[in-house]
PDB file of all heavy atoms in Angstrom:
ATOM      1  N   GLY A   1       5.934  -1.000 -16.357  1.00  0.00           N
ATOM      2  CA  GLY A   1       5.038  -0.725 -15.227  1.00  0.00           C
ATOM      3  C   GLY A   1       5.721  -0.287 -13.955  1.00  0.00           C
ATOM      4  O   GLY A   1       5.469  -0.843 -12.883  1.00  0.00           O
ATOM      5  N   GLN A   2       6.610   0.712 -14.036  1.00  0.00           N
ATOM      6  CA  GLN A   2       7.274   1.229 -12.838  1.00  0.00           C
ATOM      7  C   GLN A   2       6.242   1.821 -11.885  1.00  0.00           C
ATOM      8  O   GLN A   2       5.363   2.572 -12.295  1.00  0.00           O
ATOM      9  CB  GLN A   2       8.291   2.300 -13.231  1.00  0.00           C
ATOM     10  CG  GLN A   2       9.158   2.783 -12.089  1.00  0.00           C
ATOM     11  CD  GLN A   2      10.282   3.690 -12.568  1.00  0.00           C
ATOM     12  OE1 GLN A   2      10.429   3.903 -13.764  1.00  0.00           O
ATOM     13  NE2 GLN A   2      11.057   4.214 -11.653  1.00  0.00           N
ATOM     14  N   PRO A   3       6.301   1.488 -10.596  1.00  0.00           N
ATOM     15  CA  PRO A   3       5.297   1.989  -9.656  1.00  0.00           C
ATOM     16  C   PRO A   3       5.371   3.503  -9.498  1.00  0.00           C
ATOM     17  O   PRO A   3       6.457   4.091  -9.551  1.00  0.00           O
ATOM     18  CB  PRO A   3       5.655   1.287  -8.337  1.00  0.00           C
ATOM     19  CG  PRO A   3       7.106   0.953  -8.470  1.00  0.00           C
ATOM     20  CD  PRO A   3       7.325   0.659  -9.920  1.00  0.00           C
ATOM     21  N   PRO A   4       4.229   4.167  -9.317  1.00  0.00           N
ATOM     22  CA  PRO A   4       4.235   5.614  -9.095  1.00  0.00           C
ATOM     23  C   PRO A   4       4.876   5.961  -7.751  1.00  0.00           C
ATOM     24  O   PRO A   4       4.973   5.109  -6.861  1.00  0.00           O
ATOM     25  CB  PRO A   4       2.743   5.976  -9.106  1.00  0.00           C
ATOM     26  CG  PRO A   4       2.031   4.704  -8.772  1.00  0.00           C
ATOM     27  CD  PRO A   4       2.876   3.603  -9.330  1.00  0.00           C
ATOM     28  N   ASP A   5       5.286   7.212  -7.616  1.00  0.00           N
ATOM     29  CA  ASP A   5       6.000   7.636  -6.411  1.00  0.00           C
ATOM     30  C   ASP A   5       5.250   7.299  -5.134  1.00  0.00           C
ATOM     31  O   ASP A   5       5.825   6.815  -4.158  1.00  0.00           O
ATOM     32  CB  ASP A   5       6.257   9.149  -6.453  1.00  0.00           C
ATOM     33  CG  ASP A   5       7.286   9.535  -7.512  1.00  0.00           C
ATOM     34  OD1 ASP A   5       7.916   8.619  -8.077  1.00  0.00           O
ATOM     35  OD2 ASP A   5       7.447  10.738  -7.767  1.00  0.00           O
ATOM     36  N   LYS A   6       3.942   7.542  -5.124  1.00  0.00           N
ATOM     37  CA  LYS A   6       3.174   7.362  -3.894  1.00  0.00           C
ATOM     38  C   LYS A   6       3.082   5.894  -3.464  1.00  0.00           C
ATOM     39  O   LYS A   6       2.801   5.599  -2.301  1.00  0.00           O
ATOM     40  CB  LYS A   6       1.773   7.943  -4.051  1.00  0.00           C
ATOM     41  CG  LYS A   6       0.900   7.212  -5.058  1.00  0.00           C
ATOM     42  CD  LYS A   6      -0.482   7.829  -5.130  1.00  0.00           C
ATOM     43  CE  LYS A   6      -1.375   7.088  -6.122  1.00  0.00           C
ATOM     44  NZ  LYS A   6      -2.736   7.688  -6.179  1.00  0.00           N
ATOM     45  N   ASN A   7       3.327   4.965  -4.397  1.00  0.00           N
ATOM     46  CA  ASN A   7       3.243   3.539  -4.083  1.00  0.00           C
ATOM     47  C   ASN A   7       4.600   2.879  -3.856  1.00  0.00           C
ATOM     48  O   ASN A   7       4.683   1.652  -3.709  1.00  0.00           O
ATOM     49  CB  ASN A   7       2.505   2.793  -5.192  1.00  0.00           C
ATOM     50  CG  ASN A   7       1.054   3.204  -5.315  1.00  0.00           C
ATOM     51  OD1 ASN A   7       0.653   3.784  -6.317  1.00  0.00           O
ATOM     52  ND2 ASN A   7       0.272   2.918  -4.295  1.00  0.00           N
ATOM     53  N   CYS A   8       5.660   3.686  -3.820  1.00  0.00           N
ATOM     54  CA  CYS A   8       6.981   3.124  -3.579  1.00  0.00           C
ATOM     55  C   CYS A   8       7.118   2.644  -2.133  1.00  0.00           C
ATOM     56  O   CYS A   8       6.392   3.102  -1.244  1.00  0.00           O
ATOM     57  CB  CYS A   8       8.059   4.169  -3.866  1.00  0.00           C
ATOM     58  SG  CYS A   8       8.308   4.510  -5.617  1.00  0.00           S
ATOM     59  N   PHE A   9       8.022   1.701  -1.904  1.00  0.00           N
ATOM     60  CA  PHE A   9       8.338   1.187  -0.569  1.00  0.00           C
ATOM     61  C   PHE A   9       7.106   0.603   0.139  1.00  0.00           C
ATOM     62  O   PHE A   9       6.984   0.685   1.355  1.00  0.00           O
ATOM     63  CB  PHE A   9       8.939   2.298   0.317  1.00  0.00           C
ATOM     64  CG  PHE A   9      10.030   3.083  -0.344  1.00  0.00           C
ATOM     65  CD1 PHE A   9       9.823   4.402  -0.725  1.00  0.00           C
ATOM     66  CD2 PHE A   9      11.257   2.508  -0.614  1.00  0.00           C
ATOM     67  CE1 PHE A   9      10.815   5.135  -1.350  1.00  0.00           C
ATOM     68  CE2 PHE A   9      12.271   3.231  -1.232  1.00  0.00           C
ATOM     69  CZ  PHE A   9      12.043   4.542  -1.602  1.00  0.00           C
ATOM     70  N   ASN A  10       6.212   0.006  -0.646  1.00  0.00           N
ATOM     71  CA  ASN A  10       4.964  -0.495  -0.080  1.00  0.00           C
ATOM     72  C   ASN A  10       4.656  -1.882  -0.643  1.00  0.00           C
ATOM     73  O   ASN A  10       4.473  -2.046  -1.855  1.00  0.00           O
ATOM     74  CB  ASN A  10       3.823   0.478  -0.400  1.00  0.00           C
ATOM     75  CG  ASN A  10       2.602   0.246   0.470  1.00  0.00           C
ATOM     76  OD1 ASN A  10       2.312  -0.883   0.859  1.00  0.00           O
ATOM     77  ND2 ASN A  10       1.876   1.309   0.781  1.00  0.00           N
ATOM     78  N   ASP A  11       4.593  -2.868   0.239  1.00  0.00           N
ATOM     79  CA  ASP A  11       4.320  -4.243  -0.182  1.00  0.00           C
ATOM     80  C   ASP A  11       2.955  -4.419  -0.819  1.00  0.00           C
ATOM     81  O   ASP A  11       2.761  -5.293  -1.660  1.00  0.00           O
ATOM     82  CB  ASP A  11       4.400  -5.187   1.035  1.00  0.00           C
ATOM     83  CG  ASP A  11       5.827  -5.635   1.331  1.00  0.00           C
ATOM     84  OD1 ASP A  11       6.639  -5.662   0.402  1.00  0.00           O
ATOM     85  OD2 ASP A  11       6.101  -5.936   2.507  1.00  0.00           O
ATOM     86  N   SER A  12       1.974  -3.617  -0.402  1.00  0.00           N
ATOM     87  CA  SER A  12       0.585  -3.899  -0.750  1.00  0.00           C
ATOM     88  C   SER A  12       0.296  -3.792  -2.240  1.00  0.00           C
ATOM     89  O   SER A  12      -0.724  -4.304  -2.702  1.00  0.00           O
ATOM     90  CB  SER A  12      -0.353  -2.951   0.013  1.00  0.00           C
ATOM     91  OG  SER A  12      -0.130  -1.605  -0.365  1.00  0.00           O
ATOM     92  N   ILE A  13       1.171  -3.157  -3.022  1.00  0.00           N
ATOM     93  CA  ILE A  13       0.900  -3.062  -4.458  1.00  0.00           C
ATOM     94  C   ILE A  13       1.307  -4.328  -5.198  1.00  0.00           C
ATOM     95  O   ILE A  13       0.879  -4.548  -6.330  1.00  0.00           O
ATOM     96  CB  ILE A  13       1.591  -1.834  -5.094  1.00  0.00           C
ATOM     97  CG1 ILE A  13       3.115  -1.952  -5.025  1.00  0.00           C
ATOM     98  CG2 ILE A  13       1.133  -0.552  -4.448  1.00  0.00           C
ATOM     99  CD1 ILE A  13       3.830  -0.866  -5.810  1.00  0.00           C
ATOM    100  N   TYR A  14       2.126  -5.179  -4.568  1.00  0.00           N
ATOM    101  CA  TYR A  14       2.573  -6.404  -5.226  1.00  0.00           C
ATOM    102  C   TYR A  14       2.223  -7.679  -4.461  1.00  0.00           C
ATOM    103  O   TYR A  14       2.351  -8.772  -4.996  1.00  0.00           O
ATOM    104  CB  TYR A  14       4.088  -6.368  -5.442  1.00  0.00           C
ATOM    105  CG  TYR A  14       4.544  -5.269  -6.371  1.00  0.00           C
ATOM    106  CD1 TYR A  14       5.472  -4.319  -5.952  1.00  0.00           C
ATOM    107  CD2 TYR A  14       4.032  -5.167  -7.664  1.00  0.00           C
ATOM    108  CE1 TYR A  14       5.883  -3.303  -6.804  1.00  0.00           C
ATOM    109  CE2 TYR A  14       4.436  -4.163  -8.517  1.00  0.00           C
ATOM    110  CZ  TYR A  14       5.358  -3.228  -8.083  1.00  0.00           C
ATOM    111  OH  TYR A  14       5.756  -2.222  -8.925  1.00  0.00           O
ATOM    112  N   TRP A  15       1.812  -7.547  -3.208  1.00  0.00           N
ATOM    113  CA  TRP A  15       1.589  -8.713  -2.364  1.00  0.00           C
ATOM    114  C   TRP A  15       0.230  -8.635  -1.675  1.00  0.00           C
ATOM    115  O   TRP A  15      -0.275  -7.545  -1.397  1.00  0.00           O
ATOM    116  CB  TRP A  15       2.664  -8.813  -1.277  1.00  0.00           C
ATOM    117  CG  TRP A  15       4.052  -8.972  -1.787  1.00  0.00           C
ATOM    118  CD1 TRP A  15       4.915  -7.979  -2.168  1.00  0.00           C
ATOM    119  CD2 TRP A  15       4.756 -10.200  -1.998  1.00  0.00           C
ATOM    120  NE1 TRP A  15       6.104  -8.500  -2.589  1.00  0.00           N
ATOM    121  CE2 TRP A  15       6.047  -9.857  -2.495  1.00  0.00           C
ATOM    122  CE3 TRP A  15       4.447 -11.544  -1.789  1.00  0.00           C
ATOM    123  CZ2 TRP A  15       6.999 -10.812  -2.804  1.00  0.00           C
ATOM    124  CZ3 TRP A  15       5.406 -12.498  -2.107  1.00  0.00           C
ATOM    125  CH2 TRP A  15       6.660 -12.129  -2.601  1.00  0.00           C
ATOM    126  N   GLU A  16      -0.322  -9.810  -1.401  1.00  0.00           N
ATOM    127  CA  GLU A  16      -1.476  -9.885  -0.509  1.00  0.00           C
ATOM    128  C   GLU A  16      -0.938  -9.764   0.911  1.00  0.00           C
ATOM    129  O   GLU A  16      -0.266 -10.667   1.405  1.00  0.00           O
ATOM    130  CB  GLU A  16      -2.210 -11.222  -0.689  1.00  0.00           C
ATOM    131  CG  GLU A  16      -2.955 -11.355  -2.000  1.00  0.00           C
ATOM    132  CD  GLU A  16      -4.189 -10.478  -2.064  1.00  0.00           C
ATOM    133  OE1 GLU A  16      -4.621  -9.985  -0.987  1.00  0.00           O
ATOM    134  OE2 GLU A  16      -4.719 -10.271  -3.167  1.00  0.00           O
ATOM    135  N   VAL A  17      -1.192  -8.633   1.540  1.00  0.00           N
ATOM    136  CA  VAL A  17      -0.692  -8.400   2.897  1.00  0.00           C
ATOM    137  C   VAL A  17      -1.797  -8.750   3.881  1.00  0.00           C
ATOM    138  O   VAL A  17      -2.863  -8.147   3.868  1.00  0.00           O
ATOM    139  CB  VAL A  17      -0.250  -6.937   3.078  1.00  0.00           C
ATOM    140  CG1 VAL A  17       0.325  -6.712   4.463  1.00  0.00           C
ATOM    141  CG2 VAL A  17       0.764  -6.560   2.019  1.00  0.00           C
ATOM    142  N   PRO A  18      -1.590  -9.731   4.733  1.00  0.00           N
ATOM    143  CA  PRO A  18      -2.674 -10.263   5.575  1.00  0.00           C
ATOM    144  C   PRO A  18      -3.103  -9.350   6.715  1.00  0.00           C
ATOM    145  O   PRO A  18      -2.331  -8.527   7.220  1.00  0.00           O
ATOM    146  CB  PRO A  18      -2.060 -11.554   6.135  1.00  0.00           C
ATOM    147  CG  PRO A  18      -0.594 -11.287   6.158  1.00  0.00           C
ATOM    148  CD  PRO A  18      -0.320 -10.451   4.953  1.00  0.00           C
ATOM    149  N   GLY A  19      -4.354  -9.520   7.106  1.00  0.00           N
ATOM    150  CA  GLY A  19      -4.874  -8.966   8.352  1.00  0.00           C
ATOM    151  C   GLY A  19      -4.804  -7.464   8.504  1.00  0.00           C
ATOM    152  O   GLY A  19      -4.995  -6.687   7.573  1.00  0.00           O
ATOM    153  N   GLU A  20      -4.503  -7.059   9.711  1.00  0.00           N
ATOM    154  CA  GLU A  20      -4.508  -5.647  10.072  1.00  0.00           C
ATOM    155  C   GLU A  20      -3.440  -4.868   9.314  1.00  0.00           C
ATOM    156  O   GLU A  20      -3.605  -3.681   9.048  1.00  0.00           O
ATOM    157  CB  GLU A  20      -4.286  -5.492  11.578  1.00  0.00           C
ATOM    158  CG  GLU A  20      -5.387  -6.094  12.419  1.00  0.00           C
ATOM    159  CD  GLU A  20      -5.119  -5.955  13.910  1.00  0.00           C
ATOM    160  OE1 GLU A  20      -4.030  -5.446  14.259  1.00  0.00           O
ATOM    161  OE2 GLU A  20      -5.991  -6.339  14.691  1.00  0.00           O
ATOM    162  N   GLU A  21      -2.374  -5.525   8.953  1.00  0.00           N
ATOM    163  CA  GLU A  21      -1.306  -4.852   8.224  1.00  0.00           C
ATOM    164  C   GLU A  21      -1.828  -4.318   6.895  1.00  0.00           C
ATOM    165  O   GLU A  21      -1.575  -3.194   6.507  1.00  0.00           O
ATOM    166  CB  GLU A  21      -0.164  -5.837   7.979  1.00  0.00           C
ATOM    167  CG  GLU A  21       1.050  -5.227   7.301  1.00  0.00           C
ATOM    168  CD  GLU A  21       1.908  -4.421   8.265  1.00  0.00           C
ATOM    169  OE1 GLU A  21       1.623  -4.455   9.471  1.00  0.00           O
ATOM    170  OE2 GLU A  21       2.838  -3.756   7.798  1.00  0.00           O
ATOM    171  N   ASN A  22      -2.627  -5.133   6.213  1.00  0.00           N
ATOM    172  CA  ASN A  22      -3.184  -4.725   4.933  1.00  0.00           C
ATOM    173  C   ASN A  22      -4.127  -3.547   5.106  1.00  0.00           C
ATOM    174  O   ASN A  22      -4.122  -2.602   4.332  1.00  0.00           O
ATOM    175  CB  ASN A  22      -3.915  -5.909   4.298  1.00  0.00           C
ATOM    176  CG  ASN A  22      -4.227  -5.666   2.829  1.00  0.00           C
ATOM    177  OD1 ASN A  22      -3.578  -4.866   2.177  1.00  0.00           O
ATOM    178  ND2 ASN A  22      -5.232  -6.368   2.326  1.00  0.00           N
ATOM    179  N   GLU A  23      -4.954  -3.608   6.164  1.00  0.00           N
ATOM    180  CA  GLU A  23      -5.884  -2.526   6.429  1.00  0.00           C
ATOM    181  C   GLU A  23      -5.142  -1.235   6.748  1.00  0.00           C
ATOM    182  O   GLU A  23      -5.531  -0.143   6.342  1.00  0.00           O
ATOM    183  CB  GLU A  23      -6.803  -2.911   7.585  1.00  0.00           C
ATOM    184  CG  GLU A  23      -7.725  -4.085   7.271  1.00  0.00           C
ATOM    185  CD  GLU A  23      -8.536  -4.513   8.484  1.00  0.00           C
ATOM    186  OE1 GLU A  23      -8.443  -3.807   9.506  1.00  0.00           O
ATOM    187  OE2 GLU A  23      -9.229  -5.536   8.395  1.00  0.00           O
ATOM    188  N   SER A  24      -4.047  -1.376   7.483  1.00  0.00           N
ATOM    189  CA  SER A  24      -3.245  -0.214   7.849  1.00  0.00           C
ATOM    190  C   SER A  24      -2.640   0.441   6.623  1.00  0.00           C
ATOM    191  O   SER A  24      -2.633   1.670   6.485  1.00  0.00           O
ATOM    192  CB  SER A  24      -2.132  -0.626   8.819  1.00  0.00           C
ATOM    193  OG  SER A  24      -1.264   0.446   9.081  1.00  0.00           O
ATOM    194  N   LEU A  25      -2.157  -0.385   5.686  1.00  0.00           N
ATOM    195  CA  LEU A  25      -1.561   0.151   4.471  1.00  0.00           C
ATOM    196  C   LEU A  25      -2.617   0.842   3.618  1.00  0.00           C
ATOM    197  O   LEU A  25      -2.379   1.919   3.083  1.00  0.00           O
ATOM    198  CB  LEU A  25      -0.907  -0.972   3.676  1.00  0.00           C
ATOM    199  CG  LEU A  25       0.321  -1.644   4.317  1.00  0.00           C
ATOM    200  CD1 LEU A  25       0.779  -2.809   3.446  1.00  0.00           C
ATOM    201  CD2 LEU A  25       1.441  -0.652   4.485  1.00  0.00           C
ATOM    202  N   ALA A  26      -3.767   0.207   3.503  1.00  0.00           N
ATOM    203  CA  ALA A  26      -4.847   0.792   2.713  1.00  0.00           C
ATOM    204  C   ALA A  26      -5.303   2.120   3.318  1.00  0.00           C
ATOM    205  O   ALA A  26      -5.549   3.094   2.613  1.00  0.00           O
ATOM    206  CB  ALA A  26      -6.032  -0.184   2.635  1.00  0.00           C
ATOM    207  N   HIS A  27      -5.412   2.155   4.653  1.00  0.00           N
ATOM    208  CA  HIS A  27      -5.821   3.381   5.334  1.00  0.00           C
ATOM    209  C   HIS A  27      -4.791   4.485   5.117  1.00  0.00           C
ATOM    210  O   HIS A  27      -5.130   5.645   4.895  1.00  0.00           O
ATOM    211  CB  HIS A  27      -5.988   3.111   6.831  1.00  0.00           C
ATOM    212  CG  HIS A  27      -6.328   4.351   7.618  1.00  0.00           C
ATOM    213  ND1 HIS A  27      -7.563   4.953   7.534  1.00  0.00           N
ATOM    214  CD2 HIS A  27      -5.579   5.099   8.485  1.00  0.00           C
ATOM    215  CE1 HIS A  27      -7.586   6.023   8.329  1.00  0.00           C
ATOM    216  NE2 HIS A  27      -6.379   6.132   8.913  1.00  0.00           N
ATOM    217  N   SER A  28      -3.514   4.098   5.137  1.00  0.00           N
ATOM    218  CA  SER A  28      -2.440   5.063   4.933  1.00  0.00           C
ATOM    219  C   SER A  28      -2.520   5.664   3.533  1.00  0.00           C
ATOM    220  O   SER A  28      -2.403   6.873   3.354  1.00  0.00           O
ATOM    221  CB  SER A  28      -1.077   4.402   5.145  1.00  0.00           C
ATOM    222  OG  SER A  28      -0.035   5.286   4.845  1.00  0.00           O
ATOM    223  N   ASP A  29      -2.741   4.803   2.521  1.00  0.00           N
ATOM    224  CA  ASP A  29      -2.851   5.279   1.145  1.00  0.00           C
ATOM    225  C   ASP A  29      -4.077   6.170   0.980  1.00  0.00           C
ATOM    226  O   ASP A  29      -4.018   7.210   0.322  1.00  0.00           O
ATOM    227  CB  ASP A  29      -2.956   4.090   0.179  1.00  0.00           C
ATOM    228  CG  ASP A  29      -1.630   3.345   0.055  1.00  0.00           C
ATOM    229  OD1 ASP A  29      -0.601   3.944   0.424  1.00  0.00           O
ATOM    230  OD2 ASP A  29      -1.635   2.189  -0.401  1.00  0.00           O
ATOM    231  N   HIS A  30      -5.205   5.765   1.613  1.00  0.00           N
ATOM    232  CA  HIS A  30      -6.434   6.541   1.506  1.00  0.00           C
ATOM    233  C   HIS A  30      -6.270   7.924   2.127  1.00  0.00           C
ATOM    234  O   HIS A  30      -6.676   8.930   1.563  1.00  0.00           O
ATOM    235  CB  HIS A  30      -7.581   5.784   2.190  1.00  0.00           C
ATOM    236  CG  HIS A  30      -8.875   6.568   2.230  1.00  0.00           C
ATOM    237  ND1 HIS A  30      -9.636   6.765   1.110  1.00  0.00           N
ATOM    238  CD2 HIS A  30      -9.511   7.209   3.263  1.00  0.00           C
ATOM    239  CE1 HIS A  30     -10.707   7.492   1.432  1.00  0.00           C
ATOM    240  NE2 HIS A  30     -10.647   7.776   2.731  1.00  0.00           N
ATOM    241  N   SER A  31      -5.633   7.951   3.303  1.00  0.00           N
ATOM    242  CA  SER A  31      -5.426   9.219   3.998  1.00  0.00           C
ATOM    243  C   SER A  31      -4.525  10.140   3.200  1.00  0.00           C
ATOM    244  O   SER A  31      -4.765  11.345   3.090  1.00  0.00           O
ATOM    245  CB  SER A  31      -4.814   8.973   5.385  1.00  0.00           C
ATOM    246  OG  SER A  31      -5.672   8.180   6.175  1.00  0.00           O
ATOM    247  N   LYS A  32      -3.485   9.564   2.600  1.00  0.00           N
ATOM    248  CA  LYS A  32      -2.554  10.372   1.812  1.00  0.00           C
ATOM    249  C   LYS A  32      -3.236  10.926   0.565  1.00  0.00           C
ATOM    250  O   LYS A  32      -3.078  12.101   0.224  1.00  0.00           O
ATOM    251  CB  LYS A  32      -1.352   9.525   1.413  1.00  0.00           C
ATOM    252  CG  LYS A  32      -0.285  10.323   0.677  1.00  0.00           C
ATOM    253  CD  LYS A  32       0.933   9.476   0.385  1.00  0.00           C
ATOM    254  CE  LYS A  32       1.982  10.312  -0.355  1.00  0.00           C
ATOM    255  NZ  LYS A  32       3.182   9.525  -0.666  1.00  0.00           N
ATOM    256  N   ASN A  33      -4.023  10.086  -0.127  1.00  0.00           N
ATOM    257  CA  ASN A  33      -4.734  10.539  -1.321  1.00  0.00           C
ATOM    258  C   ASN A  33      -5.740  11.629  -0.988  1.00  0.00           C
ATOM    259  O   ASN A  33      -5.917  12.588  -1.735  1.00  0.00           O
ATOM    260  CB  ASN A  33      -5.442   9.371  -2.005  1.00  0.00           C
ATOM    261  CG  ASN A  33      -4.463   8.363  -2.580  1.00  0.00           C
ATOM    262  OD1 ASN A  33      -3.321   8.720  -2.863  1.00  0.00           O
ATOM    263  ND2 ASN A  33      -4.894   7.129  -2.750  1.00  0.00           N
TER     264      ASN A  33
END
């Protein structure tokens, strides 16, 4: 299960990232996709 390129260097695929940080990561992934 090696992570895909777009999900590299990102805590949110393996960790519950609390609060605004999690929202920021999700928004970043959504914008990129």
